[in-house]
C-alpha cells in the first residue's frame, strides 16, 4: 500500500489523494514515485476513464516540493513522468480534475495546472513563488500558465510570485468553479459525472486534438492534422452506439472501445 498517497476506485472514476497533511502535502521523491505508480494505473486500466486529484486535510492541496526533505540531504531522484508523477505526462488523453482544497504553491500549483479542470475551495490559494527563493517553476508552470490565461496575466503571477485567491483564479481563467470547502469533492465528482455521461473515446479524442492543436501554426493546420484518438473513436463501438441511443431515446451504454 502506498505510504504517501491513497487511491479510491468508484466505477470508472479514480480519485488520487496526496496524503502528507503534516507537511501540507509537500512532495518528495518517494511520494512522487508512489503517485507515478497510481497515474500509471489510471492510464493503463481500460475501466478507468476520469481521475480526480486532491490533497489530504483542510490546509493544503500541496505546498509543492518538500524543501525540508531536500535540505536534509534526502535523495532527490526524479521520476520520468514528472513532479508528483503527472507534470510530464504530456500524452495523457484521459481527463483529470484537480480538486484544490487549500494551498497550491509552486509544484502544487503545477500539479493543478497539469489537470484539465480545476475545482477550487473558497479557501484555496495559488502561487508560483519560486523566484522569491531563487528558483523557477520548472515542472511546467512557466509554460502552462501563459497558455491557460494569456501572457500578461501569467507574467503578473510568474514575475512576482504573488498569491492568488480561488475567486481571482476563476477571474483569470485557470479555475473552472469555486465552491465552499465542504462542497469541494462533491463538486469535483459532479464534473466527473458530466464527463462520464459522454463517450470516453470522444472525450479523449477531444482532449488530444485540443492540446496538440495548440502546436499547429494555423487553424487550418490544427483542423487537418491527424489525431490518433480521433481515428480510434471513429472505429469504435461507441461511435455506433451514440447515434443509436439518440434515435432510440435512451441513455447510451458506453463501452470505451
C-alpha atoms as a PDB file:
ATOM      1  CA  UNK A   1       0.000   0.000   0.000  1.00  0.00           C
ATOM      2  CA  UNK A   2       1.274   3.496  -0.744  1.00  0.00           C
ATOM      3  CA  UNK A   3       2.555   5.421   2.267  1.00  0.00           C
ATOM      4  CA  UNK A   4       2.309   8.982   0.966  1.00  0.00           C
ATOM      5  CA  UNK A   5      -0.864   8.873  -1.137  1.00  0.00           C
ATOM      6  CA  UNK A   6      -4.031   6.883  -1.486  1.00  0.00           C
ATOM      7  CA  UNK A   7      -6.453   5.971  -4.237  1.00  0.00           C
ATOM      8  CA  UNK A   8     -10.121   5.117  -4.494  1.00  0.00           C
ATOM      9  CA  UNK A   9     -11.962   3.484  -7.380  1.00  0.00           C
ATOM     10  CA  UNK A  10     -15.658   4.184  -7.950  1.00  0.00           C
ATOM     11  CA  UNK A  11     -16.769   2.643 -11.219  1.00  0.00           C
ATOM     12  CA  UNK A  12     -14.927   4.487 -13.974  1.00  0.00           C
ATOM     13  CA  UNK A  13     -13.752   7.239 -11.583  1.00  0.00           C
ATOM     14  CA  UNK A  14     -10.313   7.151  -9.928  1.00  0.00           C
ATOM     15  CA  UNK A  15      -9.580   9.540  -7.039  1.00  0.00           C
ATOM     16  CA  UNK A  16      -5.957  10.111  -6.013  1.00  0.00           C
ATOM     17  CA  UNK A  17      -5.224  11.863  -2.719  1.00  0.00           C
ATOM     18  CA  UNK A  18      -1.803  13.246  -1.813  1.00  0.00           C
ATOM     19  CA  UNK A  19      -1.528  12.131   1.796  1.00  0.00           C
ATOM     20  CA  UNK A  20       1.145  14.043   3.725  1.00  0.00           C
ATOM     21  CA  UNK A  21      -1.042  16.549   5.582  1.00  0.00           C
ATOM     22  CA  UNK A  22       1.568  17.026   8.318  1.00  0.00           C
ATOM     23  CA  UNK A  23       3.783  18.806   5.727  1.00  0.00           C
ATOM     24  CA  UNK A  24       0.906  20.356   3.744  1.00  0.00           C
ATOM     25  CA  UNK A  25       1.125  17.510   1.222  1.00  0.00           C
ATOM     26  CA  UNK A  26       4.557  18.630   0.071  1.00  0.00           C
ATOM     27  CA  UNK A  27       6.018  16.199  -2.442  1.00  0.00           C
ATOM     28  CA  UNK A  28       9.363  14.460  -2.035  1.00  0.00           C
ATOM     29  CA  UNK A  29      10.779  11.805  -4.407  1.00  0.00           C
ATOM     30  CA  UNK A  30       9.260   8.822  -2.538  1.00  0.00           C
ATOM     31  CA  UNK A  31       5.823  10.457  -2.807  1.00  0.00           C
ATOM     32  CA  UNK A  32       6.396  11.233  -6.485  1.00  0.00           C
ATOM     33  CA  UNK A  33       7.269   7.591  -7.121  1.00  0.00           C
ATOM     34  CA  UNK A  34       4.092   6.385  -5.411  1.00  0.00           C
ATOM     35  CA  UNK A  35       1.959   8.910  -7.268  1.00  0.00           C
ATOM     36  CA  UNK A  36       3.590   7.933 -10.563  1.00  0.00           C
ATOM     37  CA  UNK A  37       2.539   4.319  -9.971  1.00  0.00           C
ATOM     38  CA  UNK A  38      -1.059   5.413  -9.383  1.00  0.00           C
ATOM     39  CA  UNK A  39      -1.075   7.546 -12.531  1.00  0.00           C
ATOM     40  CA  UNK A  40       0.352   4.565 -14.442  1.00  0.00           C
ATOM     41  CA  UNK A  41      -2.560   2.505 -13.138  1.00  0.00           C
ATOM     42  CA  UNK A  42      -5.047   5.154 -14.237  1.00  0.00           C
ATOM     43  CA  UNK A  43      -3.594   5.445 -17.725  1.00  0.00           C
ATOM     44  CA  UNK A  44      -3.302   1.708 -18.346  1.00  0.00           C
ATOM     45  CA  UNK A  45      -6.616   0.465 -16.910  1.00  0.00           C
ATOM     46  CA  UNK A  46      -9.320   0.500 -19.627  1.00  0.00           C
ATOM     47  CA  UNK A  47     -12.036   0.659 -16.951  1.00  0.00           C
ATOM     48  CA  UNK A  48     -10.753   3.955 -15.502  1.00  0.00           C
ATOM     49  CA  UNK A  49     -11.998   6.924 -17.530  1.00  0.00           C
ATOM     50  CA  UNK A  50     -11.700  10.039 -15.321  1.00  0.00           C
ATOM     51  CA  UNK A  51      -9.405  10.954 -12.408  1.00  0.00           C
ATOM     52  CA  UNK A  52      -9.679  13.437  -9.552  1.00  0.00           C
ATOM     53  CA  UNK A  53      -6.539  14.519  -7.697  1.00  0.00           C
ATOM     54  CA  UNK A  54      -6.762  16.259  -4.329  1.00  0.00           C
ATOM     55  CA  UNK A  55      -4.887  16.716  -1.051  1.00  0.00           C
ATOM     56  CA  UNK A  56      -5.497  15.268   2.403  1.00  0.00           C
ATOM     57  CA  UNK A  57      -6.600  17.575   5.215  1.00  0.00           C
ATOM     58  CA  UNK A  58      -8.128  21.028   5.080  1.00  0.00           C
ATOM     59  CA  UNK A  59      -4.996  23.177   4.819  1.00  0.00           C
ATOM     60  CA  UNK A  60      -3.326  22.292   1.561  1.00  0.00           C
ATOM     61  CA  UNK A  61      -3.723  20.719  -1.840  1.00  0.00           C
ATOM     62  CA  UNK A  62       0.078  20.629  -1.997  1.00  0.00           C
ATOM     63  CA  UNK A  63       2.748  23.060  -0.838  1.00  0.00           C
ATOM     64  CA  UNK A  64       4.940  21.863  -3.685  1.00  0.00           C
ATOM     65  CA  UNK A  65       8.464  20.500  -3.434  1.00  0.00           C
ATOM     66  CA  UNK A  66       9.444  19.327   0.046  1.00  0.00           C
ATOM     67  CA  UNK A  67      12.353  21.737   0.558  1.00  0.00           C
ATOM     68  CA  UNK A  68      12.994  20.489   4.098  1.00  0.00           C
ATOM     69  CA  UNK A  69      13.489  16.958   2.794  1.00  0.00           C
ATOM     70  CA  UNK A  70      15.819  18.312   0.128  1.00  0.00           C
ATOM     71  CA  UNK A  71      17.751  20.424   2.645  1.00  0.00           C
ATOM     72  CA  UNK A  72      18.152  17.412   4.944  1.00  0.00           C
ATOM     73  CA  UNK A  73      20.115  15.608   2.258  1.00  0.00           C
ATOM     74  CA  UNK A  74      17.346  13.270   1.173  1.00  0.00           C
ATOM     75  CA  UNK A  75      17.955  11.539  -2.124  1.00  0.00           C
ATOM     76  CA  UNK A  76      16.477  13.662  -4.936  1.00  0.00           C
ATOM     77  CA  UNK A  77      15.616  11.191  -7.690  1.00  0.00           C
ATOM     78  CA  UNK A  78      13.161  12.463 -10.301  1.00  0.00           C
ATOM     79  CA  UNK A  79      10.561  10.177 -11.869  1.00  0.00           C
ATOM     80  CA  UNK A  80      10.260  10.240 -15.692  1.00  0.00           C
ATOM     81  CA  UNK A  81       6.587  11.255 -15.545  1.00  0.00           C
ATOM     82  CA  UNK A  82       7.424  14.480 -13.739  1.00  0.00           C
ATOM     83  CA  UNK A  83       6.667  16.135 -10.412  1.00  0.00           C
ATOM     84  CA  UNK A  84       4.113  14.113  -8.430  1.00  0.00           C
ATOM     85  CA  UNK A  85       4.149  11.639 -11.294  1.00  0.00           C
ATOM     86  CA  UNK A  86       1.961  13.827 -13.524  1.00  0.00           C
ATOM     87  CA  UNK A  87       3.553  17.054 -14.787  1.00  0.00           C
ATOM     88  CA  UNK A  88       5.420  15.364 -17.674  1.00  0.00           C
ATOM     89  CA  UNK A  89       2.540  13.169 -18.876  1.00  0.00           C
ATOM     90  CA  UNK A  90       2.119  15.269 -21.990  1.00  0.00           C
ATOM     91  CA  UNK A  91       0.444  12.448 -23.932  1.00  0.00           C
ATOM     92  CA  UNK A  92      -2.157  11.508 -21.314  1.00  0.00           C
ATOM     93  CA  UNK A  93      -5.547  11.650 -23.034  1.00  0.00           C
ATOM     94  CA  UNK A  94      -7.786  10.655 -20.134  1.00  0.00           C
ATOM     95  CA  UNK A  95      -9.276  13.689 -18.345  1.00  0.00           C
ATOM     96  CA  UNK A  96      -8.032  14.790 -14.927  1.00  0.00           C
ATOM     97  CA  UNK A  97      -9.787  17.087 -12.453  1.00  0.00           C
ATOM     98  CA  UNK A  98      -7.844  18.871  -9.691  1.00  0.00           C
ATOM     99  CA  UNK A  99      -9.939  19.398  -6.554  1.00  0.00           C
ATOM    100  CA  UNK A 100      -7.883  22.089  -4.830  1.00  0.00           C
ATOM    101  CA  UNK A 101      -8.764  22.118  -1.148  1.00  0.00           C
ATOM    102  CA  UNK A 102      -6.268  24.686   0.148  1.00  0.00           C
ATOM    103  CA  UNK A 103      -2.769  25.945  -0.555  1.00  0.00           C
ATOM    104  CA  UNK A 104      -1.459  25.116  -4.046  1.00  0.00           C
ATOM    105  CA  UNK A 105       2.023  26.579  -4.126  1.00  0.00           C
ATOM    106  CA  UNK A 106       4.881  26.033  -6.545  1.00  0.00           C
ATOM    107  CA  UNK A 107       4.841  22.406  -7.606  1.00  0.00           C
ATOM    108  CA  UNK A 108       1.429  22.052  -6.013  1.00  0.00           C
ATOM    109  CA  UNK A 109       0.033  24.637  -8.417  1.00  0.00           C
ATOM    110  CA  UNK A 110       1.901  22.927 -11.248  1.00  0.00           C
ATOM    111  CA  UNK A 111       0.084  19.663 -10.419  1.00  0.00           C
ATOM    112  CA  UNK A 112      -3.233  21.512 -10.702  1.00  0.00           C
ATOM    113  CA  UNK A 113      -2.189  23.197 -13.958  1.00  0.00           C
ATOM    114  CA  UNK A 114      -1.375  19.749 -15.393  1.00  0.00           C
ATOM    115  CA  UNK A 115      -5.007  18.758 -14.820  1.00  0.00           C
ATOM    116  CA  UNK A 116      -7.717  19.563 -17.354  1.00  0.00           C
ATOM    117  CA  UNK A 117     -10.118  21.198 -14.889  1.00  0.00           C
ATOM    118  CA  UNK A 118      -9.539  22.956 -11.560  1.00  0.00           C
ATOM    119  CA  UNK A 119     -12.331  22.987  -8.999  1.00  0.00           C
ATOM    120  CA  UNK A 120     -11.298  25.131  -6.036  1.00  0.00           C
ATOM    121  CA  UNK A 121     -12.409  25.501  -2.465  1.00  0.00           C
ATOM    122  CA  UNK A 122     -13.069  29.058  -1.333  1.00  0.00           C
ATOM    123  CA  UNK A 123     -10.046  28.500   0.935  1.00  0.00           C
ATOM    124  CA  UNK A 124      -7.705  27.686  -1.956  1.00  0.00           C
ATOM    125  CA  UNK A 125      -4.756  29.903  -2.822  1.00  0.00           C
ATOM    126  CA  UNK A 126      -2.417  29.594  -5.786  1.00  0.00           C
ATOM    127  CA  UNK A 127       1.104  30.831  -6.493  1.00  0.00           C
ATOM    128  CA  UNK A 128       4.345  30.077  -8.295  1.00  0.00           C
ATOM    129  CA  UNK A 129       6.637  31.664  -5.683  1.00  0.00           C
ATOM    130  CA  UNK A 130       9.880  30.040  -6.840  1.00  0.00           C
ATOM    131  CA  UNK A 131      11.589  33.340  -7.856  1.00  0.00           C
ATOM    132  CA  UNK A 132      11.225  34.503  -4.242  1.00  0.00           C
ATOM    133  CA  UNK A 133      13.652  31.753  -3.182  1.00  0.00           C
ATOM    134  CA  UNK A 134      15.937  31.880  -6.217  1.00  0.00           C
ATOM    135  CA  UNK A 135      14.216  29.099  -8.141  1.00  0.00           C
ATOM    136  CA  UNK A 136      11.820  28.833 -11.101  1.00  0.00           C
ATOM    137  CA  UNK A 137       8.634  26.861 -11.821  1.00  0.00           C
ATOM    138  CA  UNK A 138      10.329  24.198 -13.944  1.00  0.00           C
ATOM    139  CA  UNK A 139       7.669  21.453 -13.677  1.00  0.00           C
ATOM    140  CA  UNK A 140       5.714  23.057 -16.496  1.00  0.00           C
ATOM    141  CA  UNK A 141       4.224  26.038 -14.677  1.00  0.00           C
ATOM    142  CA  UNK A 142       6.207  28.626 -16.611  1.00  0.00           C
ATOM    143  CA  UNK A 143       4.728  27.330 -19.868  1.00  0.00           C
ATOM    144  CA  UNK A 144       1.312  26.025 -18.853  1.00  0.00           C
ATOM    145  CA  UNK A 145       0.180  29.214 -17.127  1.00  0.00           C
ATOM    146  CA  UNK A 146       0.606  31.550 -20.172  1.00  0.00           C
ATOM    147  CA  UNK A 147      -1.154  29.003 -22.363  1.00  0.00           C
ATOM    148  CA  UNK A 148      -4.094  28.881 -19.973  1.00  0.00           C
ATOM    149  CA  UNK A 149      -4.585  32.534 -19.014  1.00  0.00           C
ATOM    150  CA  UNK A 150      -2.578  34.594 -21.520  1.00  0.00           C
ATOM    151  CA  UNK A 151       0.856  36.131 -21.270  1.00  0.00           C
ATOM    152  CA  UNK A 152       0.128  39.350 -19.364  1.00  0.00           C
ATOM    153  CA  UNK A 153      -1.965  37.644 -16.679  1.00  0.00           C
ATOM    154  CA  UNK A 154       0.624  34.887 -16.386  1.00  0.00           C
ATOM    155  CA  UNK A 155       3.512  37.328 -16.091  1.00  0.00           C
ATOM    156  CA  UNK A 156       1.637  39.061 -13.297  1.00  0.00           C
ATOM    157  CA  UNK A 157       1.997  35.850 -11.325  1.00  0.00           C
ATOM    158  CA  UNK A 158       5.287  34.474 -12.653  1.00  0.00           C
ATOM    159  CA  UNK A 159       7.362  37.613 -12.127  1.00  0.00           C
ATOM    160  CA  UNK A 160       6.026  38.455  -8.670  1.00  0.00           C
ATOM    161  CA  UNK A 161       5.358  35.069  -7.102  1.00  0.00           C
ATOM    162  CA  UNK A 162       2.213  36.593  -5.620  1.00  0.00           C
ATOM    163  CA  UNK A 163      -0.638  34.587  -4.121  1.00  0.00           C
ATOM    164  CA  UNK A 164      -3.953  34.429  -5.943  1.00  0.00           C
ATOM    165  CA  UNK A 165      -7.245  33.538  -4.308  1.00  0.00           C
ATOM    166  CA  UNK A 166      -9.657  30.981  -5.747  1.00  0.00           C
ATOM    167  CA  UNK A 167     -12.009  33.798  -6.788  1.00  0.00           C
ATOM    168  CA  UNK A 168      -9.249  35.636  -8.650  1.00  0.00           C
ATOM    169  CA  UNK A 169      -8.131  32.360 -10.189  1.00  0.00           C
ATOM    170  CA  UNK A 170     -11.586  31.991 -11.691  1.00  0.00           C
ATOM    171  CA  UNK A 171     -11.462  35.571 -12.987  1.00  0.00           C
ATOM    172  CA  UNK A 172      -8.054  34.915 -14.545  1.00  0.00           C
ATOM    173  CA  UNK A 173      -9.383  31.749 -16.136  1.00  0.00           C
ATOM    174  CA  UNK A 174      -7.429  28.851 -14.651  1.00  0.00           C
ATOM    175  CA  UNK A 175     -10.170  27.856 -12.159  1.00  0.00           C
ATOM    176  CA  UNK A 176     -13.412  26.370 -13.509  1.00  0.00           C
ATOM    177  CA  UNK A 177     -15.531  26.651 -10.364  1.00  0.00           C
ATOM    178  CA  UNK A 178     -15.194  27.914  -6.785  1.00  0.00           C
ATOM    179  CA  UNK A 179     -17.250  26.190  -4.091  1.00  0.00           C
ATOM    180  CA  UNK A 180     -17.469  26.124  -0.274  1.00  0.00           C
ATOM    181  CA  UNK A 181     -14.861  23.854   1.283  1.00  0.00           C
ATOM    182  CA  UNK A 182     -17.381  21.190   2.292  1.00  0.00           C
ATOM    183  CA  UNK A 183     -18.719  21.028  -1.251  1.00  0.00           C
ATOM    184  CA  UNK A 184     -15.358  20.564  -2.988  1.00  0.00           C
ATOM    185  CA  UNK A 185     -15.267  16.825  -3.606  1.00  0.00           C
ATOM    186  CA  UNK A 186     -18.993  16.626  -4.421  1.00  0.00           C
ATOM    187  CA  UNK A 187     -18.460  19.413  -6.969  1.00  0.00           C
ATOM    188  CA  UNK A 188     -15.446  17.642  -8.490  1.00  0.00           C
ATOM    189  CA  UNK A 189     -17.461  14.429  -8.704  1.00  0.00           C
ATOM    190  CA  UNK A 190     -20.309  16.348 -10.333  1.00  0.00           C
ATOM    191  CA  UNK A 191     -17.933  17.493 -13.077  1.00  0.00           C
ATOM    192  CA  UNK A 192     -16.588  13.941 -13.368  1.00  0.00           C
ATOM    193  CA  UNK A 193     -20.115  12.560 -13.727  1.00  0.00           C
ATOM    194  CA  UNK A 194     -20.823  15.004 -16.542  1.00  0.00           C
ATOM    195  CA  UNK A 195     -17.684  13.804 -18.335  1.00  0.00           C
ATOM    196  CA  UNK A 196     -18.697  10.179 -17.740  1.00  0.00           C
ATOM    197  CA  UNK A 197     -22.024  10.864 -19.450  1.00  0.00           C
ATOM    198  CA  UNK A 198     -20.006  11.371 -22.648  1.00  0.00           C
ATOM    199  CA  UNK A 199     -18.366   8.674 -24.746  1.00  0.00           C
ATOM    200  CA  UNK A 200     -14.885   8.135 -23.253  1.00  0.00           C
ATOM    201  CA  UNK A 201     -13.169   7.828 -26.617  1.00  0.00           C
ATOM    202  CA  UNK A 202     -14.830  11.045 -27.781  1.00  0.00           C
ATOM    203  CA  UNK A 203     -13.570  12.774 -24.632  1.00  0.00           C
ATOM    204  CA  UNK A 204     -10.035  11.524 -25.228  1.00  0.00           C
ATOM    205  CA  UNK A 205     -10.127  12.498 -28.901  1.00  0.00           C
ATOM    206  CA  UNK A 206     -11.328  15.978 -27.958  1.00  0.00           C
ATOM    207  CA  UNK A 207      -8.599  16.409 -25.350  1.00  0.00           C
ATOM    208  CA  UNK A 208      -5.847  15.152 -27.645  1.00  0.00           C
ATOM    209  CA  UNK A 209      -6.924  17.329 -30.564  1.00  0.00           C
ATOM    210  CA  UNK A 210      -7.336  20.446 -28.407  1.00  0.00           C
ATOM    211  CA  UNK A 211      -3.926  20.021 -26.760  1.00  0.00           C
ATOM    212  CA  UNK A 212      -1.954  19.004 -29.845  1.00  0.00           C
ATOM    213  CA  UNK A 213      -3.737  21.571 -31.982  1.00  0.00           C
ATOM    214  CA  UNK A 214      -2.119  24.339 -29.925  1.00  0.00           C
ATOM    215  CA  UNK A 215       1.181  23.414 -31.567  1.00  0.00           C
ATOM    216  CA  UNK A 216      -0.141  23.974 -35.096  1.00  0.00           C
ATOM    217  CA  UNK A 217       0.913  27.292 -36.678  1.00  0.00           C
ATOM    218  CA  UNK A 218      -2.512  27.892 -38.232  1.00  0.00           C
ATOM    219  CA  UNK A 219      -6.143  26.987 -37.550  1.00  0.00           C
ATOM    220  CA  UNK A 220      -6.224  25.013 -40.807  1.00  0.00           C
ATOM    221  CA  UNK A 221      -3.170  23.059 -39.688  1.00  0.00           C
ATOM    222  CA  UNK A 222      -4.828  22.207 -36.402  1.00  0.00           C
ATOM    223  CA  UNK A 223      -8.093  21.132 -38.061  1.00  0.00           C
ATOM    224  CA  UNK A 224      -6.450  18.975 -40.732  1.00  0.00           C
ATOM    225  CA  UNK A 225      -3.829  17.307 -38.522  1.00  0.00           C
ATOM    226  CA  UNK A 226      -4.038  13.585 -37.762  1.00  0.00           C
ATOM    227  CA  UNK A 227      -5.011  12.664 -34.217  1.00  0.00           C
ATOM    228  CA  UNK A 228      -4.682   9.038 -33.151  1.00  0.00           C
ATOM    229  CA  UNK A 229      -7.505   9.185 -30.617  1.00  0.00           C
ATOM    230  CA  UNK A 230      -9.858  10.579 -33.251  1.00  0.00           C
ATOM    231  CA  UNK A 231      -9.277   7.607 -35.542  1.00  0.00           C
ATOM    232  CA  UNK A 232      -9.771   5.258 -32.603  1.00  0.00           C
ATOM    233  CA  UNK A 233     -13.099   6.957 -31.875  1.00  0.00           C
ATOM    234  CA  UNK A 234     -14.265   6.606 -35.490  1.00  0.00           C
ATOM    235  CA  UNK A 235     -13.611   2.850 -35.431  1.00  0.00           C
ATOM    236  CA  UNK A 236     -15.197   2.218 -32.032  1.00  0.00           C
ATOM    237  CA  UNK A 237     -18.416   0.504 -30.965  1.00  0.00           C
ATOM    238  CA  UNK A 238     -19.346   3.715 -29.158  1.00  0.00           C
ATOM    239  CA  UNK A 239     -19.301   5.616 -32.469  1.00  0.00           C
ATOM    240  CA  UNK A 240     -22.311   3.496 -33.472  1.00  0.00           C
ATOM    241  CA  UNK A 241     -23.874   3.302 -30.006  1.00  0.00           C
ATOM    242  CA  UNK A 242     -24.194   7.073 -29.563  1.00  0.00           C
ATOM    243  CA  UNK A 243     -26.414   7.788 -32.598  1.00  0.00           C
ATOM    244  CA  UNK A 244     -28.356   4.546 -31.995  1.00  0.00           C
ATOM    245  CA  UNK A 245     -29.132   5.529 -28.393  1.00  0.00           C
ATOM    246  CA  UNK A 246     -30.167   9.014 -29.527  1.00  0.00           C
ATOM    247  CA  UNK A 247     -32.534   7.570 -32.128  1.00  0.00           C
ATOM    248  CA  UNK A 248     -33.990   5.153 -29.575  1.00  0.00           C
ATOM    249  CA  UNK A 249     -34.374   7.925 -26.984  1.00  0.00           C
ATOM    250  CA  UNK A 250     -32.324   6.156 -24.305  1.00  0.00           C
ATOM    251  CA  UNK A 251     -29.080   6.685 -22.463  1.00  0.00           C
ATOM    252  CA  UNK A 252     -26.085   5.291 -24.332  1.00  0.00           C
ATOM    253  CA  UNK A 253     -24.244   2.293 -22.957  1.00  0.00           C
ATOM    254  CA  UNK A 254     -20.646   3.356 -23.456  1.00  0.00           C
ATOM    255  CA  UNK A 255     -18.030   0.592 -23.705  1.00  0.00           C
ATOM    256  CA  UNK A 256     -14.908   2.680 -24.164  1.00  0.00           C
ATOM    257  CA  UNK A 257     -13.970   0.636 -27.197  1.00  0.00           C
END
